[in-house]
């Protein structure tokens, strides 16, 4: 397994850790793992690190990334939490330039789930998305649980 830091996006303002198997297979999709709100790219309890390393052991390339203004990524003018899906698009552009994959799966936890959903809506290169502890729909049972 290989891990290396990369800068990408507008003026190299975004930062991530690229994890790859010894011999990457560009015919396989890569996995993008955005940060979870204010928790940077390691994820809650280092969950993203463990996930990325397990993916590399299984032969899958991954990129753990910090969205603009979070973690080690710099502020990108005009970028907000509402447009953070554009950071995922920039990550796909960076990996496309390296000829690393044939599509992308975004695994988002918490706020990252929202980012994964938005990226899947706007970019056809996203062929799959996993939402972990993302959207919650208020049902009568949810309201009852909240009250109790």
N, C-alpha and C. Protein backbone atom coordinates (compact mmCIF):
# COMPACT_ATOMS: atom_id res chain seq x y z
N UNK A 1 0.83 -1.18 0.00
CA UNK A 1 0.00 0.00 0.00
C UNK A 1 0.88 1.24 0.00
N UNK A 2 0.44 2.23 -0.77
CA UNK A 2 1.14 3.51 -0.83
C UNK A 2 0.19 4.61 -0.39
N UNK A 3 0.69 5.53 0.42
CA UNK A 3 -0.07 6.72 0.79
C UNK A 3 0.80 7.93 0.51
N UNK A 4 0.17 8.95 -0.10
CA UNK A 4 0.93 10.18 -0.31
C UNK A 4 -0.02 11.37 -0.30
N UNK A 5 0.50 12.47 0.17
CA UNK A 5 -0.27 13.71 0.23
C UNK A 5 -0.29 14.35 -1.15
N UNK A 6 -1.46 14.87 -1.52
CA UNK A 6 -1.55 15.59 -2.79
C UNK A 6 -2.32 16.90 -2.57
N UNK A 7 -1.96 17.90 -3.36
CA UNK A 7 -2.71 19.15 -3.43
C UNK A 7 -3.39 19.18 -4.78
N UNK A 8 -4.58 19.74 -4.82
CA UNK A 8 -5.33 19.77 -6.07
C UNK A 8 -6.32 20.92 -6.01
N UNK A 9 -7.09 21.06 -7.06
CA UNK A 9 -8.09 22.12 -7.11
C UNK A 9 -7.49 23.44 -7.53
N UNK A 10 -8.30 24.47 -7.38
CA UNK A 10 -7.88 25.82 -7.78
C UNK A 10 -6.62 26.22 -7.03
N UNK A 11 -5.56 26.46 -7.74
CA UNK A 11 -4.27 26.89 -7.18
C UNK A 11 -3.73 25.91 -6.16
N UNK A 12 -4.13 24.64 -6.22
CA UNK A 12 -3.63 23.65 -5.28
C UNK A 12 -4.10 23.90 -3.86
N UNK A 13 -5.25 24.53 -3.69
CA UNK A 13 -5.74 24.91 -2.36
C UNK A 13 -6.28 23.74 -1.56
N UNK A 14 -6.68 22.67 -2.24
CA UNK A 14 -7.28 21.53 -1.55
C UNK A 14 -6.22 20.47 -1.26
N UNK A 15 -6.46 19.71 -0.20
CA UNK A 15 -5.46 18.75 0.28
C UNK A 15 -6.13 17.41 0.55
N UNK A 16 -5.40 16.34 0.24
CA UNK A 16 -5.91 15.01 0.52
C UNK A 16 -4.78 14.00 0.62
N UNK A 17 -5.14 12.82 1.07
CA UNK A 17 -4.20 11.70 1.15
C UNK A 17 -4.67 10.64 0.17
N UNK A 18 -3.84 10.35 -0.80
CA UNK A 18 -4.13 9.36 -1.82
C UNK A 18 -3.61 8.01 -1.33
N UNK A 19 -4.50 7.05 -1.22
CA UNK A 19 -4.11 5.70 -0.82
C UNK A 19 -4.29 4.77 -2.00
N UNK A 20 -3.28 3.97 -2.29
CA UNK A 20 -3.35 3.10 -3.46
C UNK A 20 -2.68 1.77 -3.18
N UNK A 21 -3.17 0.72 -3.85
CA UNK A 21 -2.48 -0.56 -3.76
C UNK A 21 -1.13 -0.47 -4.47
N UNK A 22 -0.30 -1.49 -4.30
CA UNK A 22 1.02 -1.48 -4.95
C UNK A 22 0.89 -1.31 -6.47
N UNK A 23 -0.07 -2.00 -7.07
CA UNK A 23 -0.29 -1.90 -8.52
C UNK A 23 -1.75 -1.50 -8.74
N UNK A 24 -2.02 -0.19 -8.89
CA UNK A 24 -3.40 0.25 -9.09
C UNK A 24 -3.97 -0.22 -10.43
N UNK A 25 -5.25 -0.50 -10.46
CA UNK A 25 -5.94 -0.93 -11.67
C UNK A 25 -6.86 0.20 -12.12
N UNK A 26 -6.49 0.93 -13.19
CA UNK A 26 -7.29 2.07 -13.61
C UNK A 26 -8.67 1.70 -14.14
N UNK A 27 -8.95 0.42 -14.32
CA UNK A 27 -10.29 0.03 -14.78
C UNK A 27 -11.28 -0.07 -13.62
N UNK A 28 -10.79 0.05 -12.40
CA UNK A 28 -11.66 0.00 -11.22
C UNK A 28 -12.01 1.41 -10.76
N UNK A 29 -13.19 1.57 -10.16
CA UNK A 29 -13.51 2.89 -9.61
C UNK A 29 -12.65 3.22 -8.41
N UNK A 30 -12.45 4.50 -8.19
CA UNK A 30 -11.75 4.98 -7.00
C UNK A 30 -12.80 5.46 -6.00
N UNK A 31 -12.40 5.51 -4.75
CA UNK A 31 -13.30 5.93 -3.67
C UNK A 31 -12.84 7.28 -3.14
N UNK A 32 -13.77 8.22 -3.06
CA UNK A 32 -13.51 9.53 -2.47
C UNK A 32 -14.14 9.55 -1.08
N UNK A 33 -13.38 10.03 -0.11
CA UNK A 33 -13.86 10.08 1.28
C UNK A 33 -13.68 11.51 1.78
N UNK A 34 -14.74 12.33 1.70
CA UNK A 34 -14.63 13.71 2.19
C UNK A 34 -14.67 13.77 3.70
N UNK A 35 -14.21 14.89 4.24
CA UNK A 35 -14.25 15.06 5.69
C UNK A 35 -15.70 15.12 6.18
N UNK A 36 -15.87 14.96 7.49
CA UNK A 36 -17.20 14.94 8.08
C UNK A 36 -17.44 16.24 8.82
N UNK A 37 -17.81 17.26 8.11
CA UNK A 37 -18.02 18.55 8.75
C UNK A 37 -16.69 19.10 9.25
N UNK A 38 -16.60 19.36 10.55
CA UNK A 38 -15.39 19.97 11.08
C UNK A 38 -14.30 18.94 11.39
N UNK A 39 -14.60 17.66 11.33
CA UNK A 39 -13.59 16.62 11.56
C UNK A 39 -12.82 16.45 10.25
N UNK A 40 -11.50 16.64 10.29
CA UNK A 40 -10.73 16.60 9.05
C UNK A 40 -10.63 15.17 8.49
N UNK A 41 -9.83 14.99 7.48
CA UNK A 41 -9.82 13.79 6.63
C UNK A 41 -9.57 12.47 7.35
N UNK A 42 -9.12 12.47 8.60
CA UNK A 42 -8.92 11.18 9.29
C UNK A 42 -10.26 10.56 9.69
N UNK A 43 -11.29 11.40 9.79
CA UNK A 43 -12.62 10.91 10.13
C UNK A 43 -12.78 10.68 11.62
N UNK A 44 -14.02 10.45 12.04
CA UNK A 44 -14.28 10.21 13.46
C UNK A 44 -13.58 8.94 13.94
N UNK A 45 -12.77 9.07 14.97
CA UNK A 45 -12.05 7.90 15.49
C UNK A 45 -11.14 7.25 14.47
N UNK A 46 -10.60 8.04 13.53
CA UNK A 46 -9.72 7.57 12.46
C UNK A 46 -10.40 6.59 11.50
N UNK A 47 -11.74 6.66 11.45
CA UNK A 47 -12.52 5.76 10.61
C UNK A 47 -12.10 5.84 9.14
N UNK A 48 -11.84 7.04 8.65
CA UNK A 48 -11.49 7.18 7.24
C UNK A 48 -10.11 6.61 6.93
N UNK A 49 -9.20 6.71 7.87
CA UNK A 49 -7.87 6.13 7.68
C UNK A 49 -7.99 4.61 7.56
N UNK A 50 -8.71 4.01 8.48
CA UNK A 50 -8.87 2.55 8.46
C UNK A 50 -9.58 2.10 7.19
N UNK A 51 -10.62 2.84 6.78
CA UNK A 51 -11.35 2.50 5.56
C UNK A 51 -10.44 2.59 4.34
N UNK A 52 -9.68 3.67 4.23
CA UNK A 52 -8.79 3.84 3.07
C UNK A 52 -7.73 2.75 3.01
N UNK A 53 -7.19 2.38 4.14
CA UNK A 53 -6.17 1.33 4.16
C UNK A 53 -6.76 -0.04 3.83
N UNK A 54 -7.98 -0.30 4.28
CA UNK A 54 -8.64 -1.55 3.92
C UNK A 54 -8.95 -1.59 2.42
N UNK A 55 -9.35 -0.45 1.88
CA UNK A 55 -9.61 -0.39 0.43
C UNK A 55 -8.33 -0.65 -0.35
N UNK A 56 -7.22 -0.05 0.06
CA UNK A 56 -5.94 -0.28 -0.63
C UNK A 56 -5.55 -1.75 -0.56
N UNK A 57 -5.76 -2.37 0.59
CA UNK A 57 -5.45 -3.80 0.73
C UNK A 57 -6.31 -4.65 -0.20
N UNK A 58 -7.52 -4.14 -0.53
CA UNK A 58 -8.42 -4.85 -1.45
C UNK A 58 -8.19 -4.44 -2.90
N UNK A 59 -7.18 -3.59 -3.15
CA UNK A 59 -6.85 -3.20 -4.52
C UNK A 59 -7.57 -1.98 -5.04
N UNK A 60 -8.15 -1.18 -4.14
CA UNK A 60 -8.93 0.00 -4.55
C UNK A 60 -8.21 1.28 -4.16
N UNK A 61 -8.14 2.22 -5.09
CA UNK A 61 -7.56 3.54 -4.83
C UNK A 61 -8.58 4.38 -4.08
N UNK A 62 -8.10 5.18 -3.12
CA UNK A 62 -8.99 6.09 -2.41
C UNK A 62 -8.30 7.43 -2.20
N UNK A 63 -9.12 8.44 -1.99
CA UNK A 63 -8.62 9.77 -1.66
C UNK A 63 -9.42 10.29 -0.48
N UNK A 64 -8.73 10.47 0.66
CA UNK A 64 -9.32 11.12 1.83
C UNK A 64 -9.02 12.60 1.69
N UNK A 65 -10.06 13.44 1.66
CA UNK A 65 -9.81 14.84 1.38
C UNK A 65 -10.47 15.77 2.38
N UNK A 66 -9.84 16.91 2.54
CA UNK A 66 -10.40 18.01 3.32
C UNK A 66 -11.07 18.98 2.36
N UNK A 67 -12.32 19.31 2.65
CA UNK A 67 -13.00 20.32 1.85
C UNK A 67 -12.36 21.69 2.10
N UNK A 68 -12.65 22.63 1.21
CA UNK A 68 -12.10 23.98 1.34
C UNK A 68 -12.38 24.56 2.72
N UNK A 69 -11.38 25.21 3.28
CA UNK A 69 -11.44 25.88 4.59
C UNK A 69 -11.47 24.92 5.77
N UNK A 70 -11.28 23.64 5.54
CA UNK A 70 -11.28 22.66 6.63
C UNK A 70 -9.98 21.87 6.62
N UNK A 71 -9.55 21.42 7.79
CA UNK A 71 -8.33 20.63 7.87
C UNK A 71 -7.15 21.37 7.27
N UNK A 72 -6.45 20.71 6.36
CA UNK A 72 -5.27 21.31 5.73
C UNK A 72 -5.57 21.99 4.40
N UNK A 73 -6.83 22.01 3.99
CA UNK A 73 -7.19 22.71 2.76
C UNK A 73 -7.35 24.20 3.04
N UNK A 74 -6.94 24.99 2.07
CA UNK A 74 -7.04 26.44 2.20
C UNK A 74 -8.45 26.91 1.86
N UNK A 75 -8.72 28.15 2.17
CA UNK A 75 -9.99 28.76 1.79
C UNK A 75 -10.00 28.99 0.29
N UNK A 76 -11.11 28.63 -0.34
CA UNK A 76 -11.28 28.89 -1.77
C UNK A 76 -12.36 29.97 -1.88
N UNK A 77 -12.04 31.12 -2.48
CA UNK A 77 -13.03 32.20 -2.57
C UNK A 77 -14.33 31.73 -3.21
N UNK A 78 -15.44 32.11 -2.60
CA UNK A 78 -16.74 31.75 -3.14
C UNK A 78 -17.21 30.36 -2.79
N UNK A 79 -16.40 29.60 -2.05
CA UNK A 79 -16.76 28.23 -1.71
C UNK A 79 -17.34 28.21 -0.31
N UNK A 80 -18.43 27.50 -0.12
CA UNK A 80 -19.07 27.37 1.18
C UNK A 80 -19.51 25.94 1.37
N UNK A 81 -20.13 25.66 2.49
CA UNK A 81 -20.64 24.30 2.72
C UNK A 81 -21.70 23.94 1.68
N UNK A 82 -22.36 24.96 1.12
CA UNK A 82 -23.37 24.71 0.10
C UNK A 82 -22.74 24.28 -1.23
N UNK A 83 -21.48 24.64 -1.45
CA UNK A 83 -20.83 24.31 -2.72
C UNK A 83 -19.67 23.33 -2.51
N UNK A 84 -19.63 22.66 -1.37
CA UNK A 84 -18.50 21.77 -1.09
C UNK A 84 -18.47 20.55 -2.00
N UNK A 85 -19.57 20.25 -2.69
CA UNK A 85 -19.53 19.16 -3.67
C UNK A 85 -18.55 19.48 -4.79
N UNK A 86 -18.29 20.76 -5.01
CA UNK A 86 -17.32 21.15 -6.04
C UNK A 86 -15.91 20.69 -5.67
N UNK A 87 -15.65 20.56 -4.35
CA UNK A 87 -14.35 20.03 -3.91
C UNK A 87 -14.20 18.58 -4.35
N UNK A 88 -15.29 17.83 -4.30
CA UNK A 88 -15.25 16.44 -4.77
C UNK A 88 -15.05 16.38 -6.28
N UNK A 89 -15.64 17.31 -7.00
CA UNK A 89 -15.43 17.37 -8.45
C UNK A 89 -13.96 17.69 -8.75
N UNK A 90 -13.37 18.58 -7.96
CA UNK A 90 -11.94 18.90 -8.14
C UNK A 90 -11.08 17.68 -7.84
N UNK A 91 -11.49 16.88 -6.85
CA UNK A 91 -10.75 15.65 -6.53
C UNK A 91 -10.82 14.68 -7.70
N UNK A 92 -12.00 14.56 -8.31
CA UNK A 92 -12.14 13.67 -9.47
C UNK A 92 -11.28 14.16 -10.63
N UNK A 93 -11.24 15.47 -10.84
CA UNK A 93 -10.38 16.04 -11.89
C UNK A 93 -8.92 15.68 -11.64
N UNK A 94 -8.49 15.78 -10.36
CA UNK A 94 -7.10 15.48 -10.02
C UNK A 94 -6.77 14.01 -10.28
N UNK A 95 -7.68 13.12 -9.93
CA UNK A 95 -7.42 11.70 -10.15
C UNK A 95 -7.54 11.34 -11.63
N UNK A 96 -8.46 12.01 -12.35
CA UNK A 96 -8.55 11.80 -13.80
C UNK A 96 -7.23 12.17 -14.48
N UNK A 97 -6.62 13.27 -14.02
CA UNK A 97 -5.36 13.71 -14.60
C UNK A 97 -4.25 12.69 -14.37
N UNK A 98 -4.38 11.89 -13.32
CA UNK A 98 -3.39 10.85 -13.02
C UNK A 98 -3.78 9.50 -13.63
N UNK A 99 -4.91 9.45 -14.35
CA UNK A 99 -5.41 8.22 -14.99
C UNK A 99 -5.51 7.08 -13.98
N UNK A 100 -6.16 7.35 -12.86
CA UNK A 100 -6.20 6.41 -11.76
C UNK A 100 -7.43 5.52 -11.75
N UNK A 101 -8.56 5.98 -12.31
CA UNK A 101 -9.77 5.18 -12.18
C UNK A 101 -10.72 5.35 -13.35
N UNK A 102 -11.78 4.55 -13.32
CA UNK A 102 -12.77 4.60 -14.39
C UNK A 102 -14.10 5.15 -13.90
N UNK A 103 -14.16 5.62 -12.70
CA UNK A 103 -15.37 6.18 -12.11
C UNK A 103 -15.11 6.38 -10.63
N UNK A 104 -16.12 6.89 -9.94
CA UNK A 104 -15.91 7.22 -8.53
C UNK A 104 -17.09 6.80 -7.68
N UNK A 105 -16.76 6.34 -6.49
CA UNK A 105 -17.74 6.08 -5.45
C UNK A 105 -17.38 7.02 -4.31
N UNK A 106 -18.36 7.76 -3.82
CA UNK A 106 -18.13 8.70 -2.73
C UNK A 106 -18.74 8.12 -1.46
N UNK A 107 -17.93 8.01 -0.44
CA UNK A 107 -18.40 7.52 0.86
C UNK A 107 -18.37 8.70 1.81
N UNK A 108 -19.56 9.18 2.19
CA UNK A 108 -19.65 10.35 3.04
C UNK A 108 -20.33 10.04 4.36
N UNK A 109 -19.75 10.55 5.42
CA UNK A 109 -20.31 10.39 6.75
C UNK A 109 -20.72 11.76 7.27
N UNK A 110 -21.88 11.84 7.89
CA UNK A 110 -22.41 13.07 8.45
C UNK A 110 -22.53 14.14 7.35
N UNK A 111 -21.84 15.26 7.48
CA UNK A 111 -21.90 16.30 6.45
C UNK A 111 -21.33 15.78 5.13
N UNK A 112 -20.38 14.87 5.21
CA UNK A 112 -19.83 14.25 4.00
C UNK A 112 -20.88 13.49 3.21
N UNK A 113 -21.91 12.99 3.89
CA UNK A 113 -23.01 12.32 3.19
C UNK A 113 -23.76 13.32 2.32
N UNK A 114 -23.97 14.51 2.84
CA UNK A 114 -24.60 15.57 2.05
C UNK A 114 -23.73 15.91 0.84
N UNK A 115 -22.43 16.04 1.06
CA UNK A 115 -21.51 16.35 -0.03
C UNK A 115 -21.53 15.24 -1.08
N UNK A 116 -21.54 13.99 -0.63
CA UNK A 116 -21.59 12.85 -1.55
C UNK A 116 -22.86 12.90 -2.39
N UNK A 117 -23.97 13.20 -1.76
CA UNK A 117 -25.24 13.28 -2.47
C UNK A 117 -25.22 14.39 -3.52
N UNK A 118 -24.72 15.56 -3.13
CA UNK A 118 -24.67 16.68 -4.06
C UNK A 118 -23.73 16.39 -5.23
N UNK A 119 -22.58 15.77 -4.94
CA UNK A 119 -21.63 15.44 -6.02
C UNK A 119 -22.26 14.44 -6.99
N UNK A 120 -22.99 13.47 -6.46
CA UNK A 120 -23.64 12.47 -7.32
C UNK A 120 -24.70 13.12 -8.21
N UNK A 121 -25.32 14.17 -7.71
CA UNK A 121 -26.34 14.88 -8.49
C UNK A 121 -25.74 15.68 -9.63
N UNK A 122 -24.53 16.23 -9.43
CA UNK A 122 -24.01 17.17 -10.44
C UNK A 122 -22.91 16.59 -11.33
N UNK A 123 -22.34 15.44 -10.98
CA UNK A 123 -21.22 14.93 -11.76
C UNK A 123 -21.46 13.47 -12.17
N UNK A 124 -21.54 13.21 -13.47
CA UNK A 124 -21.82 11.84 -13.93
C UNK A 124 -20.69 10.85 -13.69
N UNK A 125 -19.52 11.34 -13.29
CA UNK A 125 -18.42 10.42 -12.99
C UNK A 125 -18.67 9.66 -11.69
N UNK A 126 -19.58 10.14 -10.85
CA UNK A 126 -19.94 9.45 -9.62
C UNK A 126 -20.87 8.31 -9.99
N UNK A 127 -20.38 7.08 -9.81
CA UNK A 127 -21.18 5.91 -10.18
C UNK A 127 -21.78 5.23 -8.95
N UNK A 128 -21.42 5.71 -7.76
CA UNK A 128 -21.99 5.16 -6.54
C UNK A 128 -21.75 6.10 -5.38
N UNK A 129 -22.62 6.02 -4.40
CA UNK A 129 -22.47 6.86 -3.21
C UNK A 129 -22.96 6.09 -1.99
N UNK A 130 -22.25 6.28 -0.89
CA UNK A 130 -22.61 5.65 0.38
C UNK A 130 -22.79 6.77 1.38
N UNK A 131 -23.96 6.80 2.03
CA UNK A 131 -24.26 7.82 3.02
C UNK A 131 -24.26 7.17 4.39
N UNK A 132 -23.36 7.60 5.25
CA UNK A 132 -23.27 7.06 6.61
C UNK A 132 -23.74 8.14 7.58
N UNK A 133 -24.79 7.85 8.30
CA UNK A 133 -25.33 8.77 9.30
C UNK A 133 -25.57 10.15 8.70
N UNK A 134 -26.22 10.15 7.55
CA UNK A 134 -26.46 11.40 6.84
C UNK A 134 -27.85 11.94 7.10
N UNK A 135 -28.69 11.81 6.11
CA UNK A 135 -30.03 12.38 6.19
C UNK A 135 -30.92 11.60 7.14
N UNK A 136 -31.73 12.32 7.88
CA UNK A 136 -32.71 11.72 8.77
C UNK A 136 -34.05 12.36 8.44
N UNK A 137 -35.03 11.54 8.18
CA UNK A 137 -36.37 12.05 7.90
C UNK A 137 -37.19 11.99 9.18
N UNK A 138 -37.81 13.09 9.52
CA UNK A 138 -38.61 13.15 10.74
C UNK A 138 -39.91 12.39 10.54
N UNK A 139 -40.06 11.33 11.26
CA UNK A 139 -41.28 10.54 11.27
C UNK A 139 -41.93 10.73 12.64
N UNK A 140 -43.17 10.34 12.79
CA UNK A 140 -43.77 10.43 14.13
C UNK A 140 -42.93 9.70 15.19
N UNK A 141 -42.35 8.56 14.82
CA UNK A 141 -41.52 7.83 15.79
C UNK A 141 -40.25 8.64 16.13
N UNK A 142 -39.65 9.29 15.14
CA UNK A 142 -38.45 10.10 15.40
C UNK A 142 -38.78 11.24 16.36
N UNK A 143 -39.92 11.89 16.15
CA UNK A 143 -40.31 12.98 17.06
C UNK A 143 -40.55 12.43 18.48
N UNK A 144 -41.18 11.27 18.57
CA UNK A 144 -41.43 10.67 19.88
C UNK A 144 -40.11 10.34 20.56
N UNK A 145 -39.18 9.75 19.84
CA UNK A 145 -37.87 9.44 20.41
C UNK A 145 -37.16 10.70 20.88
N UNK A 146 -37.26 11.77 20.12
CA UNK A 146 -36.62 13.03 20.48
C UNK A 146 -37.23 13.59 21.77
N UNK A 147 -38.56 13.52 21.86
CA UNK A 147 -39.23 14.03 23.06
C UNK A 147 -38.88 13.23 24.31
N UNK A 148 -38.79 11.91 24.13
CA UNK A 148 -38.49 11.05 25.28
C UNK A 148 -37.03 11.12 25.64
